[in-house]
Every structure is written in structure tokens, then in C-alpha cells.
Amino acid sequence: MRGIEEHTSREACQWPARGWVGLILVAVCWPLNWTLPGVRTSYLFFPLWLGYILVVDALVQMRTGSSIWMRSRRDFVLLFLISAPVWWSFELINLRTGNWEYLGPALFDPLQLLLSTISYTVVVPAVFETAQLIRNFRWMNRFASGPRLPSTRAVFVGLFVVGLAMLPATLAWPNIFYPFTWIALVFILEPINYWTGRPYFLEQLPEGDWRTVISLSVGALVCSFFWEMWNYYSFPKWIYHIPGLGFLRIFEMPILGYGGYIPFALELYALKNFLWPNGPRLEAAEADEGL
């Protein structure tokens, strides 16, 4: 029996077939996305990022013997399905703030609307898969005993009130308060998740456990590099209009703009917990089988 378990464990930690599929997708779609004429990115964005996600999921499996895909194909697919409406919420806010612009076909052209929605399905799984990979590196354990922050009822009321003020301020004075786009939903949704019994990342901070926060933050920064790099020679592509910060660009993104990916990852996690409280969670494989 023990021999069977060891054999199964070794098999789980081998490079899986979907990892090869992911590598092939990246190897094919990356150069095509940069070299083909016309609106190639509309069609290649999704398979390129699907390849990335499959590769990262395979890396997680090799490191831990488990992954989102292995634990539940259903959960893996549902991450894609919730991702599109989540990102569309930011697109709607951007109609007011105008912090990014797409060069190419009109965003609300019927075909482009469909292709954009398909592309947006990769945002949440890309960040969560990368965060899961980061979470299972041993060096993450140093963040298990960090500063302790209270998660009292008064704190959640304060966060909620501030969040409710941030969102209308962003819409009313977008040139001043546009950074709140990446903060307001965390302030609003974390208290709601707490009050309604949903998972929330702030529950770990009174014990000084910052691993979820750090994993999400680093995971989003890793994704940001690939998002911005692959976007640079894409078409259609996005460019940025960030008041006061449009300098020292790395690819199209001003260097300080990369900082927005950190609270963005926390917003994604809060949104996922709000929309899908029983979905994958971000935890170490050896401690829990969920993300």
C-alpha cells in the first residue's frame, strides 16, 4: 500500500501533459502575436494566456503534487467564467477615469466585445495560479509571523465607510482619485465578506500571517510583467493615461503604475470570495488542499 502511495505521489509531481500543451501555446502564440499583421491579438490573447496558466498550474503540481486543475476541473473552469464579469467592472470604471485606452477596433464593436470578453476570462486564473505557485515556495513561510493587525468590528465599519467614499470620489473627480479604482473594492468587499461569513484575507492578519497578501501581491506583479511585455508589440494593444505618473515607463506602463497591481490582486481575491465563497482558496498545499 505504501509503495502504491509513493508511486502515485511521484506521478503527481511529474510534468503533466497540460504543461506541454501550455508550453506549445506560448511558443506558438507569442511570436505570432508580435509578428502577424492585422488585429492578431484579438484572437491570440486568450490562447497565449491559457498557455501561461496551464504552465503555471503544471509547475504548482510539480512542486506540491496538487493544483487547481488536479483538485477540480470544475473550479479551474469556473475561475475563467467569473473572471470576465470581474474585469468588465473595471472597464466600466475606466469609462470615467480613462486611465487606459485600447488602440485598434472599437471596444464595443459586437465582434470585439465578444473577443474582449473571452480575453478577460484569463485575468483571475492567471493571478490566482501564479499566487498559488508563489505561496508554495518555502521562503513564503517567513511571512507567517509578521506585524499583527486587528480585525475588529470597528475596523470593518471604518473600512466600509472609507470604501463607500472612495468609489464615488473616483467617479466624481477621476483625475485626482483614480488610484482608488484599485483600492475601493477591497475596502467595501472585505467587510461584506466578513459580515456575511465569506472568506476574507484580513482574518489572517491578527495572527501576523501575511502569506496570502504577499502571495497575491507577488503573483500579480509577475503577471504584470507578462501582461505588459506581451502587450508592447500587440495589436490591438492598450496604452495608459495616468495623471502625474506618466514617466519612466517599462513597456507601456509607467513604473509607479505597477504598484497598482498589488491592491488589484487583493480586489480580485475579495471579489472572488464575494461572488464564489466556496471557490478555490490561497493556501499552502501541505496545509490545505484548497487554493
C-alpha atoms as a PDB file:
ATOM      1  CA  MET A   1       0.000   0.000   0.000  1.00  0.00           C
ATOM      2  CA  ARG A   2       2.806   2.363   0.898  1.00  0.00           C
ATOM      3  CA  GLY A   3       4.525   1.592  -2.405  1.00  0.00           C
ATOM      4  CA  ILE A   4       1.356   2.465  -4.319  1.00  0.00           C
ATOM      5  CA  GLU A   5       1.051   5.776  -2.464  1.00  0.00           C
ATOM      6  CA  GLU A   6       4.690   6.650  -3.184  1.00  0.00           C
ATOM      7  CA  HIS A   7       4.238   5.777  -6.868  1.00  0.00           C
ATOM      8  CA  THR A   8       1.102   7.928  -7.043  1.00  0.00           C
ATOM      9  CA  SER A   9       2.927  10.796  -5.344  1.00  0.00           C
ATOM     10  CA  ARG A  10       5.828  10.564  -7.808  1.00  0.00           C
ATOM     11  CA  GLU A  11       3.402  10.576 -10.733  1.00  0.00           C
ATOM     12  CA  ALA A  12       1.630  13.649  -9.347  1.00  0.00           C
ATOM     13  CA  CYS A  13       4.941  15.523  -9.195  1.00  0.00           C
ATOM     14  CA  GLN A  14       5.890  14.779 -12.803  1.00  0.00           C
ATOM     15  CA  TRP A  15       5.443  17.287 -15.615  1.00  0.00           C
ATOM     16  CA  PRO A  16       1.856  16.767 -16.836  1.00  0.00           C
ATOM     17  CA  ALA A  17       0.552  16.727 -20.396  1.00  0.00           C
ATOM     18  CA  ARG A  18      -1.289  20.024 -19.953  1.00  0.00           C
ATOM     19  CA  GLY A  19       2.065  21.616 -19.123  1.00  0.00           C
ATOM     20  CA  TRP A  20       3.334  20.628 -22.569  1.00  0.00           C
ATOM     21  CA  VAL A  21       0.133  21.976 -24.114  1.00  0.00           C
ATOM     22  CA  GLY A  22       0.718  25.247 -22.292  1.00  0.00           C
ATOM     23  CA  LEU A  23       4.324  25.490 -23.447  1.00  0.00           C
ATOM     24  CA  ILE A  24       3.264  24.859 -27.044  1.00  0.00           C
ATOM     25  CA  LEU A  25       0.549  27.516 -26.845  1.00  0.00           C
ATOM     26  CA  VAL A  26       3.010  30.087 -25.505  1.00  0.00           C
ATOM     27  CA  ALA A  27       5.717  29.125 -28.003  1.00  0.00           C
ATOM     28  CA  VAL A  28       3.303  29.449 -30.928  1.00  0.00           C
ATOM     29  CA  CYS A  29       1.099  32.371 -29.881  1.00  0.00           C
ATOM     30  CA  TRP A  30       3.816  34.655 -28.508  1.00  0.00           C
ATOM     31  CA  PRO A  31       5.734  35.183 -31.777  1.00  0.00           C
ATOM     32  CA  LEU A  32       2.535  35.218 -33.832  1.00  0.00           C
ATOM     33  CA  ASN A  33       1.069  37.861 -31.549  1.00  0.00           C
ATOM     34  CA  TRP A  34       4.067  40.096 -32.190  1.00  0.00           C
ATOM     35  CA  THR A  35       4.584  39.472 -35.899  1.00  0.00           C
ATOM     36  CA  LEU A  36       1.319  38.771 -37.707  1.00  0.00           C
ATOM     37  CA  PRO A  37      -0.350  41.709 -39.464  1.00  0.00           C
ATOM     38  CA  GLY A  38      -3.780  42.983 -38.507  1.00  0.00           C
ATOM     39  CA  VAL A  39      -5.753  42.530 -35.317  1.00  0.00           C
ATOM     40  CA  ARG A  40      -3.985  39.323 -34.293  1.00  0.00           C
ATOM     41  CA  THR A  41      -4.111  39.957 -30.538  1.00  0.00           C
ATOM     42  CA  SER A  42      -7.899  39.838 -30.537  1.00  0.00           C
ATOM     43  CA  TYR A  43      -7.593  36.163 -31.414  1.00  0.00           C
ATOM     44  CA  LEU A  44      -4.263  35.232 -29.808  1.00  0.00           C
ATOM     45  CA  PHE A  45      -4.572  36.857 -26.370  1.00  0.00           C
ATOM     46  CA  PHE A  46      -6.695  34.071 -24.907  1.00  0.00           C
ATOM     47  CA  PRO A  47      -4.662  31.073 -26.146  1.00  0.00           C
ATOM     48  CA  LEU A  48      -1.413  32.804 -25.164  1.00  0.00           C
ATOM     49  CA  TRP A  49      -2.606  33.346 -21.604  1.00  0.00           C
ATOM     50  CA  LEU A  50      -4.263  29.954 -21.441  1.00  0.00           C
ATOM     51  CA  GLY A  51      -0.824  28.544 -22.205  1.00  0.00           C
ATOM     52  CA  TYR A  52       0.679  30.598 -19.378  1.00  0.00           C
ATOM     53  CA  ILE A  53      -1.996  29.400 -16.944  1.00  0.00           C
ATOM     54  CA  LEU A  54      -1.529  25.750 -17.894  1.00  0.00           C
ATOM     55  CA  VAL A  55       2.244  26.034 -17.487  1.00  0.00           C
ATOM     56  CA  VAL A  56       1.932  27.633 -14.050  1.00  0.00           C
ATOM     57  CA  ASP A  57      -0.636  25.054 -12.958  1.00  0.00           C
ATOM     58  CA  ALA A  58       1.776  22.326 -14.061  1.00  0.00           C
ATOM     59  CA  LEU A  59       4.587  23.970 -12.077  1.00  0.00           C
ATOM     60  CA  VAL A  60       2.364  24.019  -8.993  1.00  0.00           C
ATOM     61  CA  GLN A  61       1.651  20.318  -9.463  1.00  0.00           C
ATOM     62  CA  MET A  62       5.349  19.520  -9.789  1.00  0.00           C
ATOM     63  CA  ARG A  63       6.165  21.415  -6.600  1.00  0.00           C
ATOM     64  CA  THR A  64       3.271  20.213  -4.467  1.00  0.00           C
ATOM     65  CA  GLY A  65       1.744  17.150  -6.099  1.00  0.00           C
ATOM     66  CA  SER A  66      -1.527  19.026  -6.472  1.00  0.00           C
ATOM     67  CA  SER A  67      -3.017  22.014  -8.297  1.00  0.00           C
ATOM     68  CA  ILE A  68      -6.329  23.689  -9.038  1.00  0.00           C
ATOM     69  CA  TRP A  69      -6.694  21.587 -12.190  1.00  0.00           C
ATOM     70  CA  MET A  70      -5.959  18.352 -10.334  1.00  0.00           C
ATOM     71  CA  ARG A  71      -8.286  19.082  -7.451  1.00  0.00           C
ATOM     72  CA  SER A  72     -11.253  20.179  -9.539  1.00  0.00           C
ATOM     73  CA  ARG A  73     -11.633  20.702 -13.283  1.00  0.00           C
ATOM     74  CA  ARG A  74     -14.900  22.443 -12.465  1.00  0.00           C
ATOM     75  CA  ASP A  75     -13.202  25.003 -10.224  1.00  0.00           C
ATOM     76  CA  PHE A  76     -10.498  25.546 -12.826  1.00  0.00           C
ATOM     77  CA  VAL A  77     -13.110  26.384 -15.475  1.00  0.00           C
ATOM     78  CA  LEU A  78     -15.236  28.494 -13.126  1.00  0.00           C
ATOM     79  CA  LEU A  79     -12.264  30.754 -12.396  1.00  0.00           C
ATOM     80  CA  PHE A  80     -12.336  31.688 -16.077  1.00  0.00           C
ATOM     81  CA  LEU A  81     -16.087  32.244 -16.042  1.00  0.00           C
ATOM     82  CA  ILE A  82     -16.090  34.643 -13.094  1.00  0.00           C
ATOM     83  CA  SER A  83     -13.068  36.495 -14.458  1.00  0.00           C
ATOM     84  CA  ALA A  84     -14.850  38.165 -17.376  1.00  0.00           C
ATOM     85  CA  PRO A  85     -17.537  39.995 -15.348  1.00  0.00           C
ATOM     86  CA  VAL A  86     -14.933  40.902 -12.733  1.00  0.00           C
ATOM     87  CA  TRP A  87     -12.718  42.626 -15.291  1.00  0.00           C
ATOM     88  CA  TRP A  88     -15.681  44.236 -17.064  1.00  0.00           C
ATOM     89  CA  SER A  89     -16.434  46.015 -13.783  1.00  0.00           C
ATOM     90  CA  PHE A  90     -13.032  47.715 -14.060  1.00  0.00           C
ATOM     91  CA  GLU A  91     -13.652  48.525 -17.712  1.00  0.00           C
ATOM     92  CA  LEU A  92     -16.859  50.294 -16.712  1.00  0.00           C
ATOM     93  CA  ILE A  93     -14.989  52.362 -14.129  1.00  0.00           C
ATOM     94  CA  ASN A  94     -12.385  53.166 -16.771  1.00  0.00           C
ATOM     95  CA  LEU A  95     -15.083  54.710 -18.956  1.00  0.00           C
ATOM     96  CA  ARG A  96     -14.987  57.501 -16.383  1.00  0.00           C
ATOM     97  CA  THR A  97     -11.330  57.533 -15.345  1.00  0.00           C
ATOM     98  CA  GLY A  98      -9.835  56.930 -18.805  1.00  0.00           C
ATOM     99  CA  ASN A  99      -6.603  55.534 -17.373  1.00  0.00           C
ATOM    100  CA  TRP A 100      -6.115  53.077 -20.225  1.00  0.00           C
ATOM    101  CA  GLU A 101      -7.103  53.110 -23.856  1.00  0.00           C
ATOM    102  CA  TYR A 102      -7.218  50.376 -26.468  1.00  0.00           C
ATOM    103  CA  LEU A 103      -5.613  51.058 -29.823  1.00  0.00           C
ATOM    104  CA  GLY A 104      -7.399  49.110 -32.522  1.00  0.00           C
ATOM    105  CA  PRO A 105     -11.013  48.127 -33.177  1.00  0.00           C
ATOM    106  CA  ALA A 106     -13.657  49.850 -31.098  1.00  0.00           C
ATOM    107  CA  LEU A 107     -14.109  48.082 -27.769  1.00  0.00           C
ATOM    108  CA  PHE A 108     -17.875  47.933 -28.108  1.00  0.00           C
ATOM    109  CA  ASP A 109     -17.967  46.669 -31.675  1.00  0.00           C
ATOM    110  CA  PRO A 110     -20.047  43.432 -31.442  1.00  0.00           C
ATOM    111  CA  LEU A 111     -17.249  41.086 -32.533  1.00  0.00           C
ATOM    112  CA  GLN A 112     -14.634  42.887 -30.474  1.00  0.00           C
ATOM    113  CA  LEU A 113     -16.984  42.828 -27.497  1.00  0.00           C
ATOM    114  CA  LEU A 114     -17.122  39.042 -27.708  1.00  0.00           C
ATOM    115  CA  LEU A 115     -13.373  38.662 -28.243  1.00  0.00           C
ATOM    116  CA  SER A 116     -12.627  41.061 -25.390  1.00  0.00           C
ATOM    117  CA  THR A 117     -14.905  39.141 -23.048  1.00  0.00           C
ATOM    118  CA  ILE A 118     -13.116  35.911 -23.940  1.00  0.00           C
ATOM    119  CA  SER A 119      -9.774  37.611 -23.302  1.00  0.00           C
ATOM    120  CA  TYR A 120     -10.922  38.885 -19.915  1.00  0.00           C
ATOM    121  CA  THR A 121     -11.587  35.329 -18.740  1.00  0.00           C
ATOM    122  CA  VAL A 122      -7.871  34.781 -18.112  1.00  0.00           C
ATOM    123  CA  VAL A 123      -7.310  37.581 -15.586  1.00  0.00           C
ATOM    124  CA  VAL A 124      -8.438  35.837 -12.397  1.00  0.00           C
ATOM    125  CA  PRO A 125      -6.976  32.379 -13.137  1.00  0.00           C
ATOM    126  CA  ALA A 126      -3.645  33.897 -14.201  1.00  0.00           C
ATOM    127  CA  VAL A 127      -3.263  35.824 -10.943  1.00  0.00           C
ATOM    128  CA  PHE A 128      -4.549  33.003  -8.732  1.00  0.00           C
ATOM    129  CA  GLU A 129      -2.430  30.311 -10.363  1.00  0.00           C
ATOM    130  CA  THR A 130       0.682  32.467 -10.069  1.00  0.00           C
ATOM    131  CA  ALA A 131      -0.142  33.341  -6.462  1.00  0.00           C
ATOM    132  CA  GLN A 132      -0.615  29.637  -5.715  1.00  0.00           C
ATOM    133  CA  LEU A 133       2.835  28.940  -7.140  1.00  0.00           C
ATOM    134  CA  ILE A 134       4.381  31.725  -5.062  1.00  0.00           C
ATOM    135  CA  ARG A 135       2.525  30.565  -1.948  1.00  0.00           C
ATOM    136  CA  ASN A 136       4.221  27.175  -2.042  1.00  0.00           C
ATOM    137  CA  PHE A 137       7.790  28.407  -2.026  1.00  0.00           C
ATOM    138  CA  ARG A 138       9.399  27.818   1.356  1.00  0.00           C
ATOM    139  CA  TRP A 139      10.604  31.400   1.645  1.00  0.00           C
ATOM    140  CA  MET A 140       6.959  32.427   1.962  1.00  0.00           C
ATOM    141  CA  ASN A 141       6.938  30.981   5.482  1.00  0.00           C
ATOM    142  CA  ARG A 142       8.936  33.946   6.730  1.00  0.00           C
ATOM    143  CA  PHE A 143       5.745  35.991   6.299  1.00  0.00           C
ATOM    144  CA  ALA A 144       3.790  33.704   8.630  1.00  0.00           C
ATOM    145  CA  SER A 145       4.796  35.767  11.658  1.00  0.00           C
ATOM    146  CA  GLY A 146       4.654  39.411  10.692  1.00  0.00           C
ATOM    147  CA  PRO A 147       3.039  42.530  12.111  1.00  0.00           C
ATOM    148  CA  ARG A 148      -0.342  41.858  13.657  1.00  0.00           C
ATOM    149  CA  LEU A 149      -3.247  43.985  12.509  1.00  0.00           C
ATOM    150  CA  PRO A 150      -6.590  43.968  14.312  1.00  0.00           C
ATOM    151  CA  SER A 151      -9.715  42.765  12.531  1.00  0.00           C
ATOM    152  CA  THR A 152     -12.324  44.192  14.868  1.00  0.00           C
ATOM    153  CA  ARG A 153     -15.880  45.204  14.125  1.00  0.00           C
ATOM    154  CA  ALA A 154     -14.870  48.864  14.271  1.00  0.00           C
ATOM    155  CA  VAL A 155     -12.106  48.272  11.728  1.00  0.00           C
ATOM    156  CA  PHE A 156     -14.529  46.719   9.259  1.00  0.00           C
ATOM    157  CA  VAL A 157     -17.055  49.509   9.712  1.00  0.00           C
ATOM    158  CA  GLY A 158     -14.303  52.043   9.103  1.00  0.00           C
ATOM    159  CA  LEU A 159     -13.062  50.238   6.002  1.00  0.00           C
ATOM    160  CA  PHE A 160     -16.575  50.007   4.604  1.00  0.00           C
ATOM    161  CA  VAL A 161     -17.311  53.697   5.130  1.00  0.00           C
ATOM    162  CA  VAL A 162     -13.999  54.726   3.573  1.00  0.00           C
ATOM    163  CA  GLY A 163     -14.582  52.395   0.628  1.00  0.00           C
ATOM    164  CA  LEU A 164     -18.037  53.820   0.041  1.00  0.00           C
ATOM    165  CA  ALA A 165     -16.482  57.290  -0.051  1.00  0.00           C
ATOM    166  CA  MET A 166     -13.670  56.234  -2.381  1.00  0.00           C
ATOM    167  CA  LEU A 167     -15.836  54.880  -5.170  1.00  0.00           C
ATOM    168  CA  PRO A 168     -17.974  57.984  -5.792  1.00  0.00           C
ATOM    169  CA  ALA A 169     -14.890  60.174  -5.351  1.00  0.00           C
ATOM    170  CA  THR A 170     -13.211  58.200  -8.134  1.00  0.00           C
ATOM    171  CA  LEU A 171     -16.171  58.720 -10.425  1.00  0.00           C
ATOM    172  CA  ALA A 172     -16.692  62.367  -9.497  1.00  0.00           C
ATOM    173  CA  TRP A 173     -13.048  63.514  -9.674  1.00  0.00           C
ATOM    174  CA  PRO A 174     -11.254  60.856 -11.733  1.00  0.00           C
ATOM    175  CA  ASN A 175      -8.141  62.935 -12.442  1.00  0.00           C
ATOM    176  CA  ILE A 176      -7.449  63.157  -8.713  1.00  0.00           C
ATOM    177  CA  PHE A 177      -8.825  59.984  -7.187  1.00  0.00           C
ATOM    178  CA  TYR A 178      -8.229  57.452  -9.975  1.00  0.00           C
ATOM    179  CA  PRO A 179      -5.901  55.339  -7.731  1.00  0.00           C
ATOM    180  CA  PHE A 180      -8.980  54.453  -5.675  1.00  0.00           C
ATOM    181  CA  THR A 181     -10.060  52.246  -8.594  1.00  0.00           C
ATOM    182  CA  TRP A 182      -7.653  49.625  -7.236  1.00  0.00           C
ATOM    183  CA  ILE A 183      -8.435  50.115  -3.545  1.00  0.00           C
ATOM    184  CA  ALA A 184     -12.112  50.935  -3.089  1.00  0.00           C
ATOM    185  CA  LEU A 185     -13.494  47.460  -3.748  1.00  0.00           C
ATOM    186  CA  VAL A 186     -11.165  45.908  -1.165  1.00  0.00           C
ATOM    187  CA  PHE A 187     -12.409  48.346   1.456  1.00  0.00           C
ATOM    188  CA  ILE A 188     -16.025  47.635   0.537  1.00  0.00           C
ATOM    189  CA  LEU A 189     -15.927  43.885  -0.019  1.00  0.00           C
ATOM    190  CA  GLU A 190     -13.707  42.726   2.847  1.00  0.00           C
ATOM    191  CA  PRO A 191     -16.234  43.966   5.451  1.00  0.00           C
ATOM    192  CA  ILE A 192     -19.118  42.488   3.449  1.00  0.00           C
ATOM    193  CA  ASN A 193     -17.320  39.153   3.235  1.00  0.00           C
ATOM    194  CA  TYR A 194     -16.672  39.286   6.984  1.00  0.00           C
ATOM    195  CA  TRP A 195     -20.261  40.174   7.871  1.00  0.00           C
ATOM    196  CA  THR A 196     -21.748  37.503   5.594  1.00  0.00           C
ATOM    197  CA  GLY A 197     -19.459  34.674   6.688  1.00  0.00           C
ATOM    198  CA  ARG A 198     -17.477  34.530   3.460  1.00  0.00           C
ATOM    199  CA  PRO A 199     -13.702  34.047   3.365  1.00  0.00           C
ATOM    200  CA  TYR A 200     -11.668  37.243   3.742  1.00  0.00           C
ATOM    201  CA  PHE A 201      -7.906  37.687   3.762  1.00  0.00           C
ATOM    202  CA  LEU A 202      -7.903  40.117   6.698  1.00  0.00           C
ATOM    203  CA  GLU A 203      -8.819  37.249   9.036  1.00  0.00           C
ATOM    204  CA  GLN A 204      -5.192  36.085   8.898  1.00  0.00           C
ATOM    205  CA  LEU A 205      -3.590  39.401   9.835  1.00  0.00           C
ATOM    206  CA  PRO A 206      -4.443  39.428  13.572  1.00  0.00           C
ATOM    207  CA  GLU A 207      -2.161  36.379  13.813  1.00  0.00           C
ATOM    208  CA  GLY A 208       0.520  38.115  11.777  1.00  0.00           C
ATOM    209  CA  ASP A 209       0.106  35.765   8.814  1.00  0.00           C
ATOM    210  CA  TRP A 210       0.768  37.797   5.659  1.00  0.00           C
ATOM    211  CA  ARG A 211       1.331  34.874   3.308  1.00  0.00           C
ATOM    212  CA  THR A 212      -1.938  35.265   1.428  1.00  0.00           C
ATOM    213  CA  VAL A 213      -1.407  39.003   0.960  1.00  0.00           C
ATOM    214  CA  ILE A 214       2.210  38.585  -0.149  1.00  0.00           C
ATOM    215  CA  SER A 215       1.431  35.663  -2.455  1.00  0.00           C
ATOM    216  CA  LEU A 216      -1.320  37.576  -4.207  1.00  0.00           C
ATOM    217  CA  SER A 217       0.829  40.695  -4.464  1.00  0.00           C
ATOM    218  CA  VAL A 218       3.868  38.920  -5.895  1.00  0.00           C
ATOM    219  CA  GLY A 219       1.667  36.810  -8.147  1.00  0.00           C
ATOM    220  CA  ALA A 220       0.056  39.924  -9.598  1.00  0.00           C
ATOM    221  CA  LEU A 221       3.443  41.575 -10.143  1.00  0.00           C
ATOM    222  CA  VAL A 222       4.691  38.502 -12.005  1.00  0.00           C
ATOM    223  CA  CYS A 223       1.575  38.578 -14.174  1.00  0.00           C
ATOM    224  CA  SER A 224       2.004  42.312 -14.695  1.00  0.00           C
ATOM    225  CA  PHE A 225       5.394  41.737 -16.293  1.00  0.00           C
ATOM    226  CA  PHE A 226       3.958  39.297 -18.818  1.00  0.00           C
ATOM    227  CA  TRP A 227       0.827  41.380 -19.405  1.00  0.00           C
ATOM    228  CA  GLU A 228       2.816  44.497 -20.169  1.00  0.00           C
ATOM    229  CA  MET A 229       5.585  42.738 -22.094  1.00  0.00           C
ATOM    230  CA  TRP A 230       3.238  40.767 -24.339  1.00  0.00           C
ATOM    231  CA  ASN A 231       1.105  43.872 -24.843  1.00  0.00           C
ATOM    232  CA  TYR A 232       4.010  46.007 -26.079  1.00  0.00           C
ATOM    233  CA  TYR A 233       4.101  44.646 -29.637  1.00  0.00           C
ATOM    234  CA  SER A 234       0.471  43.543 -29.738  1.00  0.00           C
ATOM    235  CA  PHE A 235      -2.376  44.875 -31.824  1.00  0.00           C
ATOM    236  CA  PRO A 236      -4.905  45.771 -30.615  1.00  0.00           C
ATOM    237  CA  LYS A 237      -2.992  46.938 -27.558  1.00  0.00           C
ATOM    238  CA  TRP A 238      -3.568  49.167 -24.574  1.00  0.00           C
ATOM    239  CA  ILE A 239      -1.785  52.351 -23.570  1.00  0.00           C
ATOM    240  CA  TYR A 240      -2.014  54.349 -20.358  1.00  0.00           C
ATOM    241  CA  HIS A 241      -3.045  57.872 -19.426  1.00  0.00           C
ATOM    242  CA  ILE A 242      -2.118  58.255 -15.757  1.00  0.00           C
ATOM    243  CA  PRO A 243      -2.140  61.854 -14.490  1.00  0.00           C
ATOM    244  CA  GLY A 244       1.086  62.780 -12.751  1.00  0.00           C
ATOM    245  CA  LEU A 245       2.696  59.363 -13.184  1.00  0.00           C
ATOM    246  CA  GLY A 246       3.342  59.084 -16.907  1.00  0.00           C
ATOM    247  CA  PHE A 247       7.126  58.791 -16.676  1.00  0.00           C
ATOM    248  CA  LEU A 248       9.793  56.062 -16.534  1.00  0.00           C
ATOM    249  CA  ARG A 249       7.770  53.575 -18.500  1.00  0.00           C
ATOM    250  CA  ILE A 250       8.515  49.862 -18.543  1.00  0.00           C
ATOM    251  CA  PHE A 251       6.809  48.786 -21.749  1.00  0.00           C
ATOM    252  CA  GLU A 252       3.638  50.932 -21.873  1.00  0.00           C
ATOM    253  CA  MET A 253       3.160  51.103 -18.100  1.00  0.00           C
ATOM    254  CA  PRO A 254       4.744  53.908 -16.030  1.00  0.00           C
ATOM    255  CA  ILE A 255       6.925  52.318 -13.375  1.00  0.00           C
ATOM    256  CA  LEU A 256       4.825  53.579 -10.462  1.00  0.00           C
ATOM    257  CA  GLY A 257       1.743  52.153 -12.141  1.00  0.00           C
ATOM    258  CA  TYR A 258       2.980  48.643 -11.432  1.00  0.00           C
ATOM    259  CA  GLY A 259       2.233  49.328  -7.791  1.00  0.00           C
ATOM    260  CA  GLY A 260      -1.453  49.250  -8.676  1.00  0.00           C
ATOM    261  CA  TYR A 261      -1.215  45.544  -9.400  1.00  0.00           C
ATOM    262  CA  ILE A 262      -0.757  44.819  -5.689  1.00  0.00           C
ATOM    263  CA  PRO A 263      -4.132  46.107  -4.441  1.00  0.00           C
ATOM    264  CA  PHE A 264      -5.650  44.868  -7.710  1.00  0.00           C
ATOM    265  CA  ALA A 265      -4.765  41.306  -6.699  1.00  0.00           C
ATOM    266  CA  LEU A 266      -6.422  41.837  -3.319  1.00  0.00           C
ATOM    267  CA  GLU A 267      -9.513  43.178  -5.078  1.00  0.00           C
ATOM    268  CA  LEU A 268      -9.639  40.080  -7.259  1.00  0.00           C
ATOM    269  CA  TYR A 269      -9.428  37.876  -4.184  1.00  0.00           C
ATOM    270  CA  ALA A 270     -12.137  39.847  -2.387  1.00  0.00           C
ATOM    271  CA  LEU A 271     -14.356  39.755  -5.476  1.00  0.00           C
ATOM    272  CA  LYS A 272     -13.835  36.018  -5.880  1.00  0.00           C
ATOM    273  CA  ASN A 273     -14.746  35.427  -2.237  1.00  0.00           C
ATOM    274  CA  PHE A 274     -17.836  37.610  -2.599  1.00  0.00           C
ATOM    275  CA  LEU A 275     -19.069  36.028  -5.828  1.00  0.00           C
ATOM    276  CA  TRP A 276     -17.889  32.488  -5.136  1.00  0.00           C
ATOM    277  CA  PRO A 277     -17.221  31.949  -1.419  1.00  0.00           C
ATOM    278  CA  ASN A 278     -16.758  28.200  -1.816  1.00  0.00           C
ATOM    279  CA  GLY A 279     -14.264  28.568  -4.650  1.00  0.00           C
ATOM    280  CA  PRO A 280     -10.519  27.875  -4.538  1.00  0.00           C
ATOM    281  CA  ARG A 281      -8.603  29.481  -1.706  1.00  0.00           C
ATOM    282  CA  LEU A 282      -4.983  30.522  -1.499  1.00  0.00           C
ATOM    283  CA  GLU A 283      -3.303  28.207   0.982  1.00  0.00           C
ATOM    284  CA  ALA A 284      -0.198  26.066   1.082  1.00  0.00           C
ATOM    285  CA  ALA A 285      -0.755  22.602  -0.348  1.00  0.00           C
ATOM    286  CA  GLU A 286       0.759  20.912   2.661  1.00  0.00           C
ATOM    287  CA  ALA A 287      -1.635  22.748   4.965  1.00  0.00           C
ATOM    288  CA  ASP A 288      -4.794  22.580   2.929  1.00  0.00           C
ATOM    289  CA  GLU A 289      -5.894  21.168  -0.382  1.00  0.00           C
ATOM    290  CA  GLY A 290      -7.582  24.397  -1.466  1.00  0.00           C
ATOM    291  CA  LEU A 291      -6.077  27.356  -3.240  1.00  0.00           C
END
